[in-house]
Amino acid sequence: MRTPRSVSLSRRGVLAAGGAVGIGALLAACGGSKGSAGASGGGKGGPWSFTDDRGQKVSLPETPHRIVAFTGTAAALHDFGIDDQIAGVFGPTKLANGKPDPQAGDLDIDKVTILGNAYNQFNVEKYASLAPDLLVTNMYEPGALWFVPDDSKDKITKLAKPVAITSSRVPLDRIIGRYAELAASLGANLKAKKVTDAKARFEKAAARLRKAAAAHPVKVLACSGAADFFYASNPGINADLMYFKSLGVDLIVPDHLDKGGYFESLSWENADKYKADVLLLDNRTATLQPKDLAAKPSWAKLPAVKAGQITPWASEPRFSYAGAAPLLESLAQAIEHAKKVN
């Protein structure tokens, strides 16, 4: 998998014991329920098609009315104005305290059916009961549907055609553009004030980050903390880091990448391998945060840690202008106040 989180999570079965009973009947029942009474939608009438980033053209007799999506994907579509069409989500959606996971963005998680809240959780029976028209998710590895379990993928993709938007190996702004295209095809108005205001904020934040990087040439390491390893992330493959680098941020490139190319795994004894002035630290709930890392002597000795130059990194960004603008602003602010410590 692409990140330390996905490997560290326990792999639980998608269906409870006996849960597969009735799947066949549900599959058959869904065939005639598309666009049935009660389905809400905002798309244009007539046939609909979209060519995704696998190069696969998905065609339907009408604009999808009932969409199921990875949580972060649904949140991005919501930012572009796709709301009532989102029937269900899968992936990190709700925290233990009941509040929305950061990946849910501004999505109203009480209005959607949650099919699974963690990696390898996807309730196929519940999914079938939603009579989905379309499945949408990210694609971090070529051809792979993000958070769609391999052991139930065939059942899931028979229920509704999937659309995958690449989430790595191309810069953040290009991916946001692809989400805008998808949202527009589904009926979103990209000229709506909510969308244009978010785009203006994104562009302003990008200009601020470019200016900060030029005025404060500090070295930045994107990283993630786990119990046994310190992960140094690769700005040549992560979409957000690629974009930050294109704006002039001096991001450190690890020289011994793990399989997949997303990061280099360092033992904590070697956490000081790269001389960073600023640490862009993975802030996902499954990764260790500064308070958790404080007990590790090698962490406490890092110059950036001593200087307090740590800023949070949303390593699975929301691919919308509204989702990405705060990330640019946060990094710009960190760099503006940083000093060289190496």
Protein backbone atom coordinates (compact mmCIF):
# COMPACT_ATOMS: atom_id res chain seq x y z
CA MET A 1 0.00 0.00 0.00
CA ARG A 2 1.04 3.59 -0.49
CA THR A 3 1.38 4.81 3.08
CA PRO A 4 2.38 3.63 6.53
CA ARG A 5 -1.22 3.93 7.65
CA SER A 6 -2.56 1.38 5.21
CA VAL A 7 -0.02 -1.20 6.23
CA SER A 8 -0.46 -0.60 9.93
CA LEU A 9 -4.22 -1.05 9.99
CA SER A 10 -5.64 -4.46 10.79
CA ARG A 11 -7.22 -6.14 7.76
CA ARG A 12 -10.69 -7.13 8.80
CA GLY A 13 -13.12 -8.99 6.56
CA VAL A 14 -15.61 -6.89 4.65
CA LEU A 15 -18.63 -8.96 5.55
CA ALA A 16 -19.58 -10.43 8.89
CA ALA A 17 -20.18 -14.18 9.15
CA GLY A 18 -23.05 -15.05 6.87
CA GLY A 19 -23.01 -11.56 5.37
CA ALA A 20 -22.54 -12.86 1.86
CA VAL A 21 -25.97 -14.50 1.96
CA GLY A 22 -28.37 -12.55 -0.22
CA ILE A 23 -25.73 -10.74 -2.30
CA GLY A 24 -26.87 -12.50 -5.45
CA ALA A 25 -30.47 -11.45 -4.88
CA LEU A 26 -29.41 -7.88 -4.20
CA LEU A 27 -27.32 -7.80 -7.35
CA ALA A 28 -30.31 -8.92 -9.38
CA ALA A 29 -32.67 -6.51 -7.65
CA CYS A 30 -30.43 -3.51 -8.33
CA GLY A 31 -30.66 -3.94 -12.05
CA GLY A 32 -34.06 -2.30 -12.35
CA SER A 33 -33.74 0.31 -9.62
CA LYS A 34 -31.50 2.93 -11.25
CA GLY A 35 -33.05 6.37 -11.21
CA SER A 36 -36.05 5.09 -9.26
CA ALA A 37 -38.41 7.32 -7.32
CA GLY A 38 -36.72 8.92 -4.35
CA ALA A 39 -33.32 9.20 -6.01
CA SER A 40 -32.09 12.78 -5.92
CA GLY A 41 -29.80 14.34 -8.46
CA GLY A 42 -28.68 17.58 -10.01
CA GLY A 43 -27.11 16.46 -13.28
CA LYS A 44 -28.19 17.28 -16.82
CA GLY A 45 -30.57 14.96 -18.58
CA GLY A 46 -29.72 12.47 -21.28
CA PRO A 47 -26.80 10.05 -21.66
CA TRP A 48 -23.74 10.54 -19.48
CA SER A 49 -20.14 9.49 -20.00
CA PHE A 50 -16.76 10.20 -18.47
CA THR A 51 -13.30 8.85 -19.27
CA ASP A 52 -11.41 8.27 -16.04
CA ASP A 53 -7.69 8.19 -15.34
CA ARG A 54 -7.45 4.49 -16.08
CA GLY A 55 -8.37 5.48 -19.62
CA GLN A 56 -11.73 3.74 -19.24
CA LYS A 57 -14.86 5.42 -20.59
CA VAL A 58 -17.86 4.94 -18.34
CA SER A 59 -21.19 5.45 -20.08
CA LEU A 60 -24.66 5.50 -18.54
CA PRO A 61 -28.12 6.17 -20.00
CA GLU A 62 -28.47 9.23 -17.75
CA THR A 63 -26.48 11.34 -15.31
CA PRO A 64 -25.82 9.33 -12.11
CA HIS A 65 -28.33 10.06 -9.35
CA ARG A 66 -26.90 7.80 -6.64
CA ILE A 67 -23.14 8.01 -6.22
CA VAL A 68 -21.03 6.07 -3.73
CA ALA A 69 -17.51 7.36 -3.22
CA PHE A 70 -14.39 7.18 -1.08
CA THR A 71 -14.90 9.74 1.69
CA GLY A 72 -12.22 12.17 0.52
CA THR A 73 -13.50 11.87 -3.04
CA ALA A 74 -17.07 12.57 -1.92
CA ALA A 75 -15.84 15.57 0.06
CA ALA A 76 -14.06 16.97 -3.01
CA LEU A 77 -17.15 16.52 -5.19
CA HIS A 78 -19.21 18.20 -2.45
CA ASP A 79 -16.87 21.22 -2.59
CA PHE A 80 -17.65 21.56 -6.29
CA GLY A 81 -21.40 21.42 -5.65
CA ILE A 82 -22.25 17.71 -5.88
CA ASP A 83 -24.20 17.00 -2.72
CA ASP A 84 -27.61 15.29 -2.94
CA GLN A 85 -26.27 12.72 -5.40
CA ILE A 86 -23.82 11.33 -2.80
CA ALA A 87 -25.68 8.34 -1.32
CA GLY A 88 -22.86 6.53 0.45
CA VAL A 89 -19.19 6.72 1.37
CA PHE A 90 -16.39 4.37 2.39
CA GLY A 91 -13.08 5.14 4.08
CA PRO A 92 -12.21 7.34 7.08
CA THR A 93 -15.46 9.19 7.74
CA LYS A 94 -16.20 9.34 11.46
CA LEU A 95 -13.79 9.63 14.40
CA ALA A 96 -14.18 7.65 17.62
CA ASN A 97 -15.82 10.69 19.25
CA GLY A 98 -18.44 10.80 16.50
CA LYS A 99 -17.07 13.89 14.80
CA PRO A 100 -16.22 13.89 11.08
CA ASP A 101 -12.79 12.61 10.07
CA PRO A 102 -10.70 15.41 8.49
CA GLN A 103 -10.98 13.62 5.15
CA ALA A 104 -14.74 14.18 5.20
CA GLY A 105 -14.16 17.91 4.79
CA ASP A 106 -17.48 19.78 4.74
CA LEU A 107 -19.49 16.68 3.85
CA ASP A 108 -22.52 16.15 6.10
CA ILE A 109 -21.70 12.63 7.28
CA ASP A 110 -25.14 12.24 8.83
CA LYS A 111 -26.74 12.49 5.37
CA VAL A 112 -24.78 9.64 3.79
CA THR A 113 -24.61 5.91 4.41
CA ILE A 114 -21.19 4.87 5.74
CA LEU A 115 -20.20 1.53 4.22
CA GLY A 116 -16.92 1.22 6.10
CA ASN A 117 -14.84 3.53 8.24
CA ALA A 118 -11.38 2.03 7.76
CA TYR A 119 -9.18 0.21 5.27
CA ASN A 120 -10.61 -3.14 4.11
CA GLN A 121 -14.05 -2.32 5.51
CA PHE A 122 -16.74 -2.20 2.84
CA ASN A 123 -20.22 -3.56 3.54
CA VAL A 124 -21.24 -4.99 0.19
CA GLU A 125 -24.81 -5.80 1.19
CA LYS A 126 -25.40 -2.26 2.42
CA TYR A 127 -23.79 -0.97 -0.78
CA ALA A 128 -26.13 -3.07 -2.90
CA SER A 129 -29.15 -1.79 -0.96
CA LEU A 130 -28.27 1.77 -2.04
CA ALA A 131 -28.84 0.84 -5.71
CA PRO A 132 -25.76 2.83 -6.75
CA ASP A 133 -25.39 4.31 -10.23
CA LEU A 134 -21.68 5.09 -9.94
CA LEU A 135 -18.68 4.34 -7.74
CA VAL A 136 -15.97 7.02 -7.55
CA THR A 137 -12.61 6.78 -5.81
CA ASN A 138 -8.99 7.85 -5.93
CA MET A 139 -6.21 5.91 -7.65
CA TYR A 140 -2.82 6.01 -5.93
CA GLU A 141 -1.44 3.03 -7.86
CA PRO A 142 -2.13 2.52 -11.57
CA GLY A 143 -5.46 0.76 -12.02
CA ALA A 144 -6.08 0.29 -8.29
CA LEU A 145 -9.37 1.49 -6.77
CA TRP A 146 -8.47 3.18 -3.47
CA PHE A 147 -10.09 1.56 -0.40
CA VAL A 148 -12.04 -0.95 -2.52
CA PRO A 149 -11.05 -4.32 -0.97
CA ASP A 150 -9.45 -6.76 -3.38
CA ASP A 151 -11.39 -9.73 -2.00
CA SER A 152 -14.78 -8.15 -2.77
CA LYS A 153 -13.84 -5.88 -5.70
CA ASP A 154 -15.58 -8.05 -8.28
CA LYS A 155 -18.88 -7.95 -6.39
CA ILE A 156 -18.59 -4.22 -5.81
CA THR A 157 -17.79 -3.29 -9.41
CA LYS A 158 -20.68 -5.40 -10.72
CA LEU A 159 -23.14 -3.27 -8.79
CA ALA A 160 -22.07 0.05 -10.34
CA LYS A 161 -19.42 1.13 -12.83
CA PRO A 162 -16.33 2.62 -11.16
CA VAL A 163 -14.57 5.88 -11.99
CA ALA A 164 -11.03 6.41 -10.69
CA ILE A 165 -9.17 9.72 -10.58
CA THR A 166 -5.39 9.55 -10.21
CA SER A 167 -4.14 10.88 -6.88
CA SER A 168 -0.38 10.71 -7.31
CA ARG A 169 2.42 11.17 -9.83
CA VAL A 170 0.88 14.39 -11.16
CA PRO A 171 0.70 17.74 -9.34
CA LEU A 172 -2.14 18.64 -7.02
CA ASP A 173 -3.58 21.41 -9.21
CA ARG A 174 -3.99 19.05 -12.17
CA ILE A 175 -5.85 16.51 -10.05
CA ILE A 176 -8.14 19.23 -8.74
CA GLY A 177 -8.82 20.13 -12.36
CA ARG A 178 -9.85 16.55 -13.08
CA TYR A 179 -12.25 16.56 -10.13
CA ALA A 180 -13.71 19.80 -11.44
CA GLU A 181 -14.28 18.11 -14.83
CA LEU A 182 -15.98 15.14 -13.19
CA ALA A 183 -18.16 17.36 -11.00
CA ALA A 184 -19.19 19.46 -14.01
CA SER A 185 -20.18 16.33 -15.91
CA LEU A 186 -22.36 15.35 -12.95
CA GLY A 187 -24.15 18.69 -13.03
CA ALA A 188 -22.04 20.98 -10.83
CA ASN A 189 -21.92 24.69 -11.68
CA LEU A 190 -18.25 25.61 -11.65
CA LYS A 191 -19.19 29.29 -11.92
CA ALA A 192 -21.07 29.20 -8.61
CA LYS A 193 -19.74 31.74 -6.11
CA LYS A 194 -18.75 28.98 -3.66
CA VAL A 195 -16.51 27.39 -6.28
CA THR A 196 -15.03 30.59 -7.73
CA ASP A 197 -14.30 31.97 -4.25
CA ALA A 198 -12.52 28.74 -3.32
CA LYS A 199 -10.47 28.84 -6.53
CA ALA A 200 -9.49 32.47 -5.88
CA ARG A 201 -8.40 31.57 -2.36
CA PHE A 202 -6.37 28.64 -3.72
CA GLU A 203 -4.61 30.85 -6.27
CA LYS A 204 -3.87 33.50 -3.64
CA ALA A 205 -2.48 30.84 -1.30
CA ALA A 206 -0.28 29.42 -4.07
CA ALA A 207 1.15 32.89 -4.74
CA ARG A 208 1.81 33.35 -1.02
CA LEU A 209 3.61 30.01 -0.79
CA ARG A 210 5.74 30.81 -3.83
CA LYS A 211 6.71 34.15 -2.26
CA ALA A 212 7.46 32.54 1.13
CA ALA A 213 9.66 29.85 -0.43
CA ALA A 214 11.67 32.46 -2.32
CA ALA A 215 12.12 34.73 0.69
CA HIS A 216 12.88 31.97 3.22
CA PRO A 217 15.00 29.23 1.56
CA VAL A 218 14.62 26.57 4.26
CA LYS A 219 14.77 22.83 3.71
CA VAL A 220 11.50 21.00 4.32
CA LEU A 221 11.06 17.27 4.99
CA ALA A 222 7.62 15.72 4.56
CA CYS A 223 7.51 12.86 7.02
CA SER A 224 5.37 10.45 9.02
CA GLY A 225 5.93 8.92 12.43
CA ALA A 226 5.17 5.35 13.49
CA ALA A 227 6.20 3.22 16.45
CA ASP A 228 9.19 1.60 14.73
CA PHE A 229 9.89 3.83 11.74
CA PHE A 230 10.30 7.42 10.66
CA TYR A 231 9.12 7.79 7.07
CA ALA A 232 10.70 10.40 4.78
CA SER A 233 8.26 11.11 1.94
CA ASN A 234 9.03 11.58 -1.73
CA PRO A 235 8.06 14.92 -3.35
CA GLY A 236 8.46 13.29 -6.75
CA ILE A 237 5.33 11.13 -6.42
CA ASN A 238 3.00 12.68 -3.82
CA ALA A 239 0.67 15.08 -5.66
CA ASP A 240 0.65 17.82 -3.03
CA LEU A 241 4.42 17.69 -2.52
CA MET A 242 4.96 17.82 -6.27
CA TYR A 243 2.90 21.00 -6.39
CA PHE A 244 4.65 22.56 -3.37
CA LYS A 245 7.98 21.85 -5.05
CA SER A 246 6.79 23.45 -8.29
CA LEU A 247 6.10 26.61 -6.26
CA GLY A 248 9.71 26.66 -5.08
CA VAL A 249 9.51 24.89 -1.73
CA ASP A 250 12.88 23.20 -1.07
CA LEU A 251 11.57 19.73 -0.25
CA ILE A 252 14.12 17.05 0.58
CA VAL A 253 14.12 14.06 -1.77
CA PRO A 254 14.91 10.73 -0.02
CA ASP A 255 17.67 8.81 -1.78
CA HIS A 256 16.68 5.23 -0.92
CA LEU A 257 12.96 4.86 -1.54
CA ASP A 258 10.93 1.84 -0.49
CA LYS A 259 8.99 -0.23 -3.01
CA GLY A 260 6.25 1.94 -4.48
CA GLY A 261 8.35 5.07 -4.30
CA TYR A 262 6.29 7.03 -1.79
CA PHE A 263 8.76 7.16 1.08
CA GLU A 264 11.96 5.89 2.65
CA SER A 265 11.59 3.91 5.87
CA LEU A 266 14.17 4.99 8.45
CA SER A 267 14.78 3.37 11.80
CA TRP A 268 14.44 5.88 14.60
CA GLU A 269 18.21 5.68 15.13
CA ASN A 270 18.57 7.14 11.63
CA ALA A 271 15.81 9.73 11.88
CA ASP A 272 18.41 12.49 11.51
CA LYS A 273 19.59 11.26 8.09
CA TYR A 274 18.14 14.30 6.32
CA LYS A 275 18.98 17.80 7.54
CA ALA A 276 15.61 19.54 7.61
CA ASP A 277 14.81 23.01 8.87
CA VAL A 278 11.05 22.35 8.83
CA LEU A 279 9.19 19.08 9.32
CA LEU A 280 5.92 18.68 7.45
CA LEU A 281 4.44 15.98 9.69
CA ASP A 282 1.67 13.60 8.60
CA ASN A 283 -1.35 14.49 10.73
CA ARG A 284 -3.63 11.52 10.03
CA THR A 285 -5.21 9.89 13.06
CA ALA A 286 -3.30 6.62 12.59
CA THR A 287 0.13 8.31 12.66
CA LEU A 288 2.11 9.53 15.67
CA GLN A 289 1.89 13.21 16.49
CA PRO A 290 4.42 15.43 18.35
CA LYS A 291 2.95 14.59 21.75
CA ASP A 292 3.27 10.87 20.93
CA LEU A 293 6.79 11.29 19.58
CA ALA A 294 8.11 13.33 22.50
CA ALA A 295 9.32 10.22 24.32
CA LYS A 296 11.59 9.20 21.43
CA PRO A 297 15.10 10.62 22.08
CA SER A 298 15.98 10.69 18.39
CA TRP A 299 12.89 12.77 17.64
CA ALA A 300 13.62 15.24 20.42
CA LYS A 301 17.18 15.75 19.09
CA LEU A 302 16.11 16.77 15.59
CA PRO A 303 17.03 20.46 15.02
CA ALA A 304 13.59 21.24 13.55
CA VAL A 305 11.93 19.73 16.62
CA LYS A 306 14.15 21.71 18.99
CA ALA A 307 13.24 24.88 17.08
CA GLY A 308 9.54 24.05 17.15
CA GLN A 309 9.44 24.12 13.35
CA ILE A 310 6.88 21.36 12.84
CA THR A 311 3.77 21.92 10.75
CA PRO A 312 0.93 19.46 10.07
CA TRP A 313 0.72 17.67 6.74
CA ALA A 314 -2.58 16.35 5.36
CA SER A 315 -0.87 13.61 3.38
CA GLU A 316 -4.13 12.48 1.76
CA PRO A 317 -5.38 15.88 0.57
CA ARG A 318 -8.91 16.72 -0.48
CA PHE A 319 -8.71 17.33 -4.21
CA SER A 320 -10.68 20.55 -4.45
CA TYR A 321 -9.78 24.23 -4.27
CA ALA A 322 -11.58 24.50 -0.93
CA GLY A 323 -9.73 21.48 0.45
CA ALA A 324 -6.27 22.44 -0.81
CA ALA A 325 -6.17 26.19 -0.12
CA PRO A 326 -5.76 25.79 3.67
CA LEU A 327 -2.85 23.37 3.09
CA LEU A 328 -0.99 25.96 1.04
CA GLU A 329 -1.73 28.67 3.59
CA SER A 330 -0.51 26.53 6.48
CA LEU A 331 2.77 25.63 4.79
CA ALA A 332 3.33 29.23 3.67
CA GLN A 333 2.87 30.44 7.25
CA ALA A 334 5.29 27.81 8.57
CA ILE A 335 7.96 28.78 6.05
CA GLU A 336 7.44 32.50 6.64
CA HIS A 337 8.27 32.03 10.32
CA ALA A 338 11.01 29.41 9.92
CA LYS A 339 14.74 29.87 10.26
CA LYS A 340 17.61 27.70 9.12
CA VAL A 341 18.68 25.29 11.86
CA ASN A 342 21.14 23.11 9.93
